[in-house]
Amino acid sequence: MQMRHSLLLAVVLLVSTTLYSQPSRHYPREAFQTETPMVHDPVMAYADSTYYLFATGMGIQQMTSKDRKTWTVLPQPVMTVIPQWAHDSVPGFTHHVWAPDVIRWHGRWWMAYSCSTFGKNGSAIGLLSSRSLSFPVWNDEGCIVTSREKRDNWNAIDPNFVIDDNDQPWLVWGSFWDGIQLARLDSTMHLAPGEKPRTIARRYDSSFKDPAPNPTSQYAGTNAIEAPFIFHHGDYYYLFVSWDYCCRGAKSNYRVAVGRSKHVSGPYLDRQGRDMSQGGGTLFLEGDKKDYEAAGHCAAYTFGNEDIFICHGYSLSMEGASVFIQRPIRWTSDGWPEL
């Protein structure tokens, strides 16, 4: 009898702490394949001879591929149960989960995700963990960081993990307000004790007097910078950010800028030596006005001997739909990335 009670208790605990991958009414009933995935805010991982793609969606959209050409869109999201703490922390948030990031560190896969409502900075970044991507059981690891309206001058969305040369994890995040934030994490991938966010990149410096009005939100202001991603290559950490405005279809003017630093904590300087915390940044990618009106919210990876850059772009032929873009990165003689 005691064994049955212990087994029942174990099952109850597992159910209460695990976010099972089950079919959702917001997703197709069956998996299907495509060479033109429709995604927003894509990130990738590679394990067991398979590429995994995760993106914004109801419970986090997910796809797989063997060759990065043909993608299988899975019929279930990463999360079918949103933790109650997320609803409690972010008024108005339901199931549309934004801008995940995924990384393998110390034998586990860690996934950060964003809980928010459009244009407001009452937001939270949550954390999941799993031993496997092939047969994932994603465990709720709680909240990494929250922002509060009228308390914080930054926004807790668009997370990206980075591990430095000393095996120290960091989190970079941010959207609008005072720009891109960075903080050191502890061994559980939560903010280290006493750690406070610091601003490492802004769209404009403090002396800029006349930025263009924000066409998307009356709350977020005009410091139009978000979606950071730090990529370590050679002697430098490269900070990619998205400038200007997404989420407007063919009216979007999203684009990507970059700077670099020899230290993950910065300062990040552009090719002209301007500090990104004071409005610096070298333009890296923008819409070509032929295939894409705009492009942004990027990530960068090394797969085998190839460095690749991914993002979403607003397709002109598809009336502004947001589609997956991937391009190889080449490096200039002085160590700057180009597509």
Protein backbone atom coordinates (compact mmCIF):
# COMPACT_ATOMS: atom_id res chain seq x y z
CA MET A 1 0.00 0.00 0.00
CA GLN A 2 2.80 2.40 0.88
CA MET A 3 4.44 1.73 -2.50
CA ARG A 4 1.18 2.60 -4.30
CA HIS A 5 0.91 5.85 -2.33
CA SER A 6 4.52 6.74 -3.13
CA LEU A 7 4.00 6.02 -6.81
CA LEU A 8 0.82 8.12 -6.89
CA LEU A 9 2.61 10.99 -5.17
CA ALA A 10 5.45 10.83 -7.69
CA VAL A 11 3.00 10.98 -10.59
CA VAL A 12 1.16 13.95 -9.06
CA LEU A 13 4.44 15.83 -8.55
CA LEU A 14 5.54 15.11 -12.11
CA VAL A 15 2.26 16.39 -13.55
CA SER A 16 2.40 19.53 -11.42
CA THR A 17 5.90 20.53 -12.54
CA THR A 18 5.99 19.39 -16.15
CA LEU A 19 4.66 21.14 -19.24
CA TYR A 20 3.69 18.23 -21.49
CA SER A 21 3.88 18.55 -25.26
CA GLN A 22 0.33 17.71 -26.29
CA PRO A 23 -1.77 18.76 -29.29
CA SER A 24 -3.33 22.22 -29.11
CA ARG A 25 -6.31 23.61 -30.98
CA HIS A 26 -4.10 26.48 -32.11
CA TYR A 27 -1.88 24.14 -34.14
CA PRO A 28 -2.47 21.88 -37.17
CA ARG A 29 -3.89 18.45 -36.43
CA GLU A 30 -0.99 16.78 -38.20
CA ALA A 31 2.64 17.63 -38.92
CA PHE A 32 3.36 19.01 -42.38
CA GLN A 33 6.48 19.93 -44.32
CA THR A 34 7.49 23.25 -45.85
CA GLU A 35 10.55 24.92 -47.34
CA THR A 36 9.24 28.36 -46.39
CA PRO A 37 8.42 28.30 -42.67
CA MET A 38 6.24 31.15 -41.45
CA VAL A 39 7.84 32.20 -38.16
CA HIS A 40 8.40 35.14 -35.89
CA ASP A 41 11.49 35.49 -33.65
CA PRO A 42 13.18 32.19 -34.63
CA VAL A 43 15.95 30.42 -32.69
CA MET A 44 17.62 27.10 -33.39
CA ALA A 45 19.39 24.15 -31.80
CA TYR A 46 21.07 20.98 -33.08
CA ALA A 47 20.95 17.57 -31.41
CA ASP A 48 20.78 13.91 -32.47
CA SER A 49 21.37 14.76 -36.16
CA THR A 50 18.33 17.04 -36.13
CA TYR A 51 17.89 20.81 -36.33
CA TYR A 52 15.22 22.27 -34.08
CA LEU A 53 13.55 25.61 -34.69
CA PHE A 54 11.51 27.41 -32.04
CA ALA A 55 9.55 30.64 -32.50
CA THR A 56 6.84 32.90 -31.14
CA GLY A 57 3.41 31.27 -31.07
CA MET A 58 0.67 29.83 -28.92
CA GLY A 59 2.77 27.92 -26.40
CA ILE A 60 5.93 28.33 -28.56
CA GLN A 61 5.97 27.06 -32.14
CA GLN A 62 8.40 24.24 -32.99
CA MET A 63 9.75 22.59 -36.16
CA THR A 64 12.44 20.06 -37.04
CA SER A 65 14.68 19.44 -40.04
CA LYS A 66 17.49 17.12 -41.09
CA ASP A 67 19.00 19.52 -43.64
CA ARG A 68 17.79 23.07 -42.75
CA LYS A 69 15.96 23.10 -46.10
CA THR A 70 12.75 21.16 -45.54
CA TRP A 71 11.09 21.77 -42.18
CA THR A 72 8.48 19.66 -40.42
CA VAL A 73 6.01 21.87 -38.58
CA LEU A 74 5.00 19.94 -35.48
CA PRO A 75 1.32 19.80 -34.51
CA GLN A 76 2.00 20.54 -30.84
CA PRO A 77 3.57 23.55 -29.12
CA VAL A 78 6.33 23.34 -26.55
CA MET A 79 3.92 24.43 -23.80
CA THR A 80 0.28 23.43 -23.55
CA VAL A 81 0.02 24.54 -19.93
CA ILE A 82 1.11 28.07 -19.05
CA PRO A 83 2.32 28.27 -15.42
CA GLN A 84 -0.02 30.14 -13.12
CA TRP A 85 2.80 32.40 -11.98
CA ALA A 86 3.03 33.79 -15.52
CA HIS A 87 -0.66 34.78 -15.55
CA ASP A 88 -0.31 36.26 -12.06
CA SER A 89 2.81 38.23 -12.99
CA VAL A 90 1.62 39.68 -16.31
CA PRO A 91 -1.96 41.00 -16.40
CA GLY A 92 -3.55 40.32 -19.77
CA PHE A 93 -1.08 37.59 -20.79
CA THR A 94 -2.74 34.37 -21.94
CA HIS A 95 -1.02 31.78 -24.20
CA HIS A 96 0.78 33.70 -26.95
CA VAL A 97 4.39 33.15 -25.90
CA TRP A 98 7.04 35.38 -27.46
CA ALA A 99 10.66 35.17 -28.49
CA PRO A 100 12.10 31.98 -26.97
CA ASP A 101 15.79 31.17 -26.73
CA VAL A 102 17.35 27.74 -26.24
CA ILE A 103 20.82 26.59 -25.21
CA ARG A 104 22.53 23.43 -23.92
CA TRP A 105 24.57 23.93 -20.76
CA HIS A 106 25.78 21.45 -18.12
CA GLY A 107 23.90 18.50 -19.55
CA ARG A 108 20.49 20.16 -19.87
CA TRP A 109 18.59 22.14 -22.47
CA TRP A 110 17.42 25.49 -21.15
CA MET A 111 14.68 27.53 -22.79
CA ALA A 112 13.78 31.10 -21.89
CA TYR A 113 10.55 32.66 -23.10
CA SER A 114 8.66 35.95 -22.90
CA CYS A 115 5.28 36.67 -21.30
CA SER A 116 3.96 40.12 -22.15
CA THR A 117 1.28 42.23 -23.81
CA PHE A 118 2.01 44.41 -26.82
CA GLY A 119 3.54 47.82 -26.14
CA LYS A 120 3.70 47.52 -22.33
CA ASN A 121 6.61 46.66 -20.04
CA GLY A 122 4.75 44.67 -17.42
CA SER A 123 6.48 41.48 -18.56
CA ALA A 124 8.26 38.34 -17.41
CA ILE A 125 10.90 35.96 -18.75
CA GLY A 126 10.22 32.34 -17.84
CA LEU A 127 12.49 29.31 -17.84
CA LEU A 128 12.07 25.67 -18.91
CA SER A 129 14.54 22.79 -18.83
CA SER A 130 14.73 19.37 -20.45
CA ARG A 131 17.26 16.56 -20.70
CA SER A 132 16.47 15.97 -24.37
CA LEU A 133 15.15 17.69 -27.47
CA SER A 134 14.33 14.41 -29.20
CA PHE A 135 11.91 13.30 -26.46
CA PRO A 136 11.45 16.49 -24.46
CA VAL A 137 9.84 16.75 -21.06
CA TRP A 138 9.97 20.46 -20.38
CA ASN A 139 10.01 21.33 -16.69
CA ASP A 140 8.83 24.67 -15.38
CA GLU A 141 11.82 26.34 -13.71
CA GLY A 142 9.92 29.47 -12.74
CA CYS A 143 10.72 33.08 -13.57
CA ILE A 144 14.14 34.50 -14.41
CA VAL A 145 13.26 38.18 -14.29
CA THR A 146 10.19 40.44 -14.34
CA SER A 147 9.64 44.08 -15.21
CA ARG A 148 6.90 46.28 -13.81
CA GLU A 149 5.21 49.28 -15.33
CA LYS A 150 6.15 52.52 -13.50
CA ARG A 151 8.85 50.63 -11.56
CA ASP A 152 11.36 49.55 -14.22
CA ASN A 153 12.63 51.50 -17.21
CA TRP A 154 13.26 48.30 -19.19
CA ASN A 155 11.17 45.44 -20.55
CA ALA A 156 11.65 41.77 -19.63
CA ILE A 157 11.18 40.21 -23.07
CA ASP A 158 13.38 38.88 -25.91
CA PRO A 159 15.85 36.83 -23.82
CA ASN A 160 19.13 35.37 -25.07
CA PHE A 161 21.53 33.14 -23.13
CA VAL A 162 25.27 33.53 -23.55
CA ILE A 163 28.05 31.51 -21.88
CA ASP A 164 31.38 33.31 -21.52
CA ASP A 165 34.94 31.93 -21.68
CA ASN A 166 34.81 31.13 -17.95
CA ASP A 167 31.66 28.99 -18.34
CA GLN A 168 29.65 31.76 -16.69
CA PRO A 169 26.06 32.11 -17.98
CA TRP A 170 24.55 35.53 -18.72
CA LEU A 171 21.19 36.72 -19.96
CA VAL A 172 20.71 39.61 -22.36
CA TRP A 173 17.22 40.92 -23.09
CA GLY A 174 15.16 43.99 -23.75
CA SER A 175 12.82 45.95 -25.89
CA PHE A 176 12.42 49.75 -26.04
CA TRP A 177 12.35 51.85 -22.83
CA ASP A 178 16.03 52.17 -21.77
CA GLY A 179 17.18 49.56 -24.27
CA ILE A 180 19.08 46.27 -24.05
CA GLN A 181 19.81 44.82 -20.61
CA LEU A 182 22.46 42.35 -19.42
CA ALA A 183 22.78 40.42 -16.15
CA ARG A 184 24.84 37.54 -14.80
CA LEU A 185 23.07 34.26 -14.01
CA ASP A 186 23.72 31.64 -11.34
CA SER A 187 24.07 27.87 -11.77
CA THR A 188 20.26 27.48 -11.94
CA MET A 189 19.98 29.98 -14.82
CA HIS A 190 18.32 32.60 -12.63
CA LEU A 191 19.70 36.05 -11.82
CA ALA A 192 22.78 35.79 -9.61
CA PRO A 193 22.35 37.12 -6.05
CA GLY A 194 22.64 40.90 -5.96
CA GLU A 195 22.78 41.16 -9.76
CA LYS A 196 21.06 44.18 -11.30
CA PRO A 197 20.44 44.73 -15.02
CA ARG A 198 22.68 47.17 -16.87
CA THR A 199 21.99 48.87 -20.20
CA ILE A 200 24.43 47.87 -22.95
CA ALA A 201 22.68 49.22 -26.08
CA ARG A 202 20.23 51.99 -26.98
CA ARG A 203 18.70 53.09 -30.27
CA TYR A 204 19.51 56.74 -29.68
CA ASP A 205 21.91 58.52 -27.37
CA SER A 206 20.60 60.87 -24.70
CA SER A 207 21.27 63.98 -26.81
CA PHE A 208 19.14 62.89 -29.77
CA LYS A 209 16.21 65.30 -29.89
CA ASP A 210 13.84 64.23 -32.64
CA PRO A 211 13.34 60.48 -33.10
CA ALA A 212 10.53 59.40 -35.38
CA PRO A 213 7.23 58.79 -33.55
CA ASN A 214 6.43 55.24 -32.50
CA PRO A 215 3.77 53.98 -34.94
CA THR A 216 2.97 50.83 -32.93
CA SER A 217 2.48 51.86 -29.30
CA GLN A 218 1.58 54.89 -27.21
CA TYR A 219 3.39 53.35 -24.23
CA ALA A 220 6.76 52.11 -25.43
CA GLY A 221 8.35 55.39 -26.59
CA THR A 222 10.85 55.77 -29.41
CA ASN A 223 13.96 53.93 -28.16
CA ALA A 224 13.28 51.39 -30.92
CA ILE A 225 15.81 48.68 -30.12
CA GLU A 226 15.13 45.08 -29.09
CA ALA A 227 15.81 41.37 -29.68
CA PRO A 228 19.49 41.11 -28.65
CA PHE A 229 21.63 38.12 -29.53
CA ILE A 230 25.28 37.73 -28.48
CA PHE A 231 27.47 35.47 -30.65
CA HIS A 232 31.03 34.57 -29.61
CA HIS A 233 33.52 34.38 -32.47
CA GLY A 234 37.30 34.54 -32.20
CA ASP A 235 38.37 37.18 -29.70
CA TYR A 236 35.05 39.02 -29.63
CA TYR A 237 31.47 38.83 -28.48
CA TYR A 238 29.19 40.26 -31.19
CA LEU A 239 25.97 41.92 -30.09
CA PHE A 240 23.23 41.85 -32.73
CA VAL A 241 20.14 43.98 -32.10
CA SER A 242 17.01 44.87 -34.05
CA TRP A 243 16.28 48.52 -34.74
CA ASP A 244 12.97 50.19 -35.46
CA TYR A 245 9.58 48.52 -35.83
CA CYS A 246 8.40 44.95 -36.38
CA CYS A 247 4.97 43.39 -36.52
CA ARG A 248 3.44 45.69 -39.16
CA GLY A 249 3.64 43.35 -42.14
CA ALA A 250 4.78 45.19 -45.27
CA LYS A 251 4.81 48.44 -43.26
CA SER A 252 7.57 47.12 -40.99
CA ASN A 253 11.00 48.77 -41.11
CA TYR A 254 12.85 46.28 -38.89
CA ARG A 255 16.63 45.96 -39.43
CA VAL A 256 19.66 44.52 -37.66
CA ALA A 257 22.71 46.33 -36.29
CA VAL A 258 25.86 44.92 -34.67
CA GLY A 259 28.73 45.87 -32.40
CA ARG A 260 31.44 43.90 -30.62
CA SER A 261 33.37 43.67 -27.36
CA LYS A 262 36.21 41.55 -25.98
CA HIS A 263 34.15 41.15 -22.80
CA VAL A 264 30.61 39.83 -22.61
CA SER A 265 29.76 42.70 -20.27
CA GLY A 266 30.79 45.27 -22.88
CA PRO A 267 31.23 48.00 -23.88
CA TYR A 268 30.04 47.04 -27.38
CA LEU A 269 31.48 49.27 -30.09
CA ASP A 270 30.53 49.52 -33.76
CA ARG A 271 32.95 49.70 -36.71
CA GLN A 272 33.37 53.44 -36.14
CA GLY A 273 34.14 52.93 -32.46
CA ARG A 274 30.80 54.25 -31.20
CA ASP A 275 29.44 52.74 -28.01
CA MET A 276 26.13 50.94 -28.56
CA SER A 277 24.97 52.10 -25.13
CA GLN A 278 25.06 55.63 -26.56
CA GLY A 279 23.28 54.88 -29.81
CA GLY A 280 26.10 53.22 -31.76
CA GLY A 281 25.68 50.22 -34.04
CA THR A 282 26.76 49.19 -37.54
CA LEU A 283 23.91 48.33 -39.89
CA PHE A 284 24.13 44.61 -40.69
CA LEU A 285 20.89 43.69 -42.48
CA GLU A 286 17.78 45.46 -43.73
CA GLY A 287 15.02 44.74 -46.19
CA ASP A 288 16.08 44.66 -49.85
CA LYS A 289 12.64 45.96 -50.96
CA LYS A 290 12.52 43.15 -53.54
CA ASP A 291 11.99 39.99 -51.53
CA TYR A 292 11.70 41.48 -48.05
CA GLU A 293 10.38 44.82 -46.88
CA ALA A 294 12.20 44.42 -43.56
CA ALA A 295 13.99 41.79 -41.49
CA GLY A 296 15.05 41.33 -37.88
CA HIS A 297 14.93 39.50 -34.55
CA CYS A 298 17.97 37.39 -35.35
CA ALA A 299 20.19 34.65 -34.00
CA ALA A 300 23.60 33.27 -35.05
CA TYR A 301 25.11 29.79 -34.71
CA THR A 302 28.07 27.64 -35.63
CA PHE A 303 26.96 24.34 -37.16
CA GLY A 304 29.93 22.21 -38.15
CA ASN A 305 32.37 24.50 -39.95
CA GLU A 306 29.74 27.05 -40.93
CA ASP A 307 28.51 30.15 -39.14
CA ILE A 308 24.92 30.98 -40.01
CA PHE A 309 22.60 33.90 -39.37
CA ILE A 310 18.83 33.50 -39.04
CA CYS A 311 15.94 35.92 -38.60
CA HIS A 312 12.43 36.57 -39.83
CA GLY A 313 11.66 38.76 -42.80
CA TYR A 314 8.46 40.41 -44.01
CA SER A 315 7.92 38.90 -47.45
CA LEU A 316 6.68 41.20 -50.21
CA SER A 317 5.48 38.33 -52.39
CA MET A 318 3.44 37.00 -49.45
CA GLU A 319 1.86 40.37 -48.62
CA GLY A 320 4.04 41.05 -45.59
CA ALA A 321 3.90 37.59 -44.01
CA SER A 322 6.74 36.83 -41.59
CA VAL A 323 8.97 34.05 -42.97
CA PHE A 324 12.18 32.30 -42.00
CA ILE A 325 15.50 33.60 -43.40
CA GLN A 326 18.91 31.93 -43.04
CA ARG A 327 22.21 33.02 -44.56
CA PRO A 328 25.86 32.01 -44.13
CA ILE A 329 28.11 34.51 -42.34
CA ARG A 330 31.51 35.41 -43.73
CA TRP A 331 34.10 37.32 -41.74
CA THR A 332 36.10 40.29 -43.00
CA SER A 333 39.86 40.50 -42.55
CA ASP A 334 39.37 42.81 -39.56
CA GLY A 335 36.88 40.46 -37.91
CA TRP A 336 33.44 41.84 -38.76
CA PRO A 337 30.51 39.68 -39.87
CA GLU A 338 28.90 40.09 -43.29
CA LEU A 339 26.20 38.17 -45.16
